[in-house]
Structure formats: C-alpha cells, structure tokens
C-alpha cells in the first residue's frame, strides 16, 4: 500500500520520469514494428517482381 509521506524505495525516480521513459520505450517499439512491416512489404514486392 502506498501511503502519503512514505518513500517508495523500489522506484526511486519521480513518477514523471518513469512515465516519460515508458512513453519513449513504447515509441521505440512502434518504430521497430513499422520497420519490420516495411521490410516485409519490400520482401513480398521483390518476390513477386513488382
């Protein structure tokens, strides 16, 4: 249970930093998936000769 005034030693960074980092990791994952999708499309187009 989180209580007012009790430090959270498991997550020493302020919540805003953790949320910012989570957003950045989410964006990085999304860009990675977009890259994989583009490679797959290019591979399929090359296989069909288009």
C-alpha atoms as a PDB file:
ATOM      1  CA  UNK A   1       0.000   0.000   0.000  1.00  0.00           C
ATOM      2  CA  UNK A   2       1.344   3.450  -0.876  1.00  0.00           C
ATOM      3  CA  UNK A   3       0.977   5.940   1.928  1.00  0.00           C
ATOM      4  CA  UNK A   4       1.472   9.680   1.964  1.00  0.00           C
ATOM      5  CA  UNK A   5       4.950  10.644   3.097  1.00  0.00           C
ATOM      6  CA  UNK A   6       6.412   7.128   2.869  1.00  0.00           C
ATOM      7  CA  UNK A   7       9.251   6.905   0.329  1.00  0.00           C
ATOM      8  CA  UNK A   8       8.933   4.317  -2.422  1.00  0.00           C
ATOM      9  CA  UNK A   9      12.393   2.713  -2.485  1.00  0.00           C
ATOM     10  CA  UNK A  10      11.519   0.289  -5.263  1.00  0.00           C
ATOM     11  CA  UNK A  11      11.101   3.162  -7.749  1.00  0.00           C
ATOM     12  CA  UNK A  12      13.468   5.927  -6.622  1.00  0.00           C
ATOM     13  CA  UNK A  13      12.927   8.159  -9.683  1.00  0.00           C
ATOM     14  CA  UNK A  14       9.964  10.551  -9.703  1.00  0.00           C
ATOM     15  CA  UNK A  15       6.859   9.115 -11.432  1.00  0.00           C
ATOM     16  CA  UNK A  16       7.078  11.643 -14.267  1.00  0.00           C
ATOM     17  CA  UNK A  17      10.487  10.262 -15.302  1.00  0.00           C
ATOM     18  CA  UNK A  18       9.206   6.699 -15.262  1.00  0.00           C
ATOM     19  CA  UNK A  19       6.231   7.676 -17.399  1.00  0.00           C
ATOM     20  CA  UNK A  20       8.463   9.576 -19.833  1.00  0.00           C
ATOM     21  CA  UNK A  21      10.723   6.533 -20.159  1.00  0.00           C
ATOM     22  CA  UNK A  22       7.729   4.262 -20.704  1.00  0.00           C
ATOM     23  CA  UNK A  23       6.493   6.550 -23.476  1.00  0.00           C
ATOM     24  CA  UNK A  24       9.920   6.529 -25.147  1.00  0.00           C
ATOM     25  CA  UNK A  25      10.153   2.726 -24.986  1.00  0.00           C
ATOM     26  CA  UNK A  26       6.650   2.493 -26.450  1.00  0.00           C
ATOM     27  CA  UNK A  27       7.580   4.764 -29.325  1.00  0.00           C
ATOM     28  CA  UNK A  28      10.779   2.810 -29.971  1.00  0.00           C
ATOM     29  CA  UNK A  29       8.774  -0.421 -30.118  1.00  0.00           C
ATOM     30  CA  UNK A  30       6.288   1.127 -32.515  1.00  0.00           C
ATOM     31  CA  UNK A  31       9.081   2.351 -34.821  1.00  0.00           C
ATOM     32  CA  UNK A  32      10.645  -1.094 -34.709  1.00  0.00           C
ATOM     33  CA  UNK A  33       7.382  -2.726 -35.748  1.00  0.00           C
ATOM     34  CA  UNK A  34       6.933  -0.177 -38.543  1.00  0.00           C
ATOM     35  CA  UNK A  35      10.441  -1.028 -39.778  1.00  0.00           C
ATOM     36  CA  UNK A  36       9.723  -4.758 -39.738  1.00  0.00           C
ATOM     37  CA  UNK A  37       6.470  -4.199 -41.643  1.00  0.00           C
ATOM     38  CA  UNK A  38       8.304  -2.128 -44.291  1.00  0.00           C
ATOM     39  CA  UNK A  39      10.950  -4.827 -44.707  1.00  0.00           C
ATOM     40  CA  UNK A  40       8.239  -7.470 -45.060  1.00  0.00           C
ATOM     41  CA  UNK A  41       6.397  -5.400 -47.700  1.00  0.00           C
ATOM     42  CA  UNK A  42       9.643  -4.874 -49.625  1.00  0.00           C
ATOM     43  CA  UNK A  43      10.440  -8.586 -49.441  1.00  0.00           C
ATOM     44  CA  UNK A  44       6.997  -9.521 -50.758  1.00  0.00           C
ATOM     45  CA  UNK A  45       7.208  -6.967 -53.580  1.00  0.00           C
ATOM     46  CA  UNK A  46      10.652  -8.237 -54.575  1.00  0.00           C
ATOM     47  CA  UNK A  47       9.436 -11.836 -54.592  1.00  0.00           C
ATOM     48  CA  UNK A  48       6.597 -11.001 -56.988  1.00  0.00           C
ATOM     49  CA  UNK A  49       8.790  -8.962 -59.330  1.00  0.00           C
ATOM     50  CA  UNK A  50       6.771  -5.756 -58.942  1.00  0.00           C
END
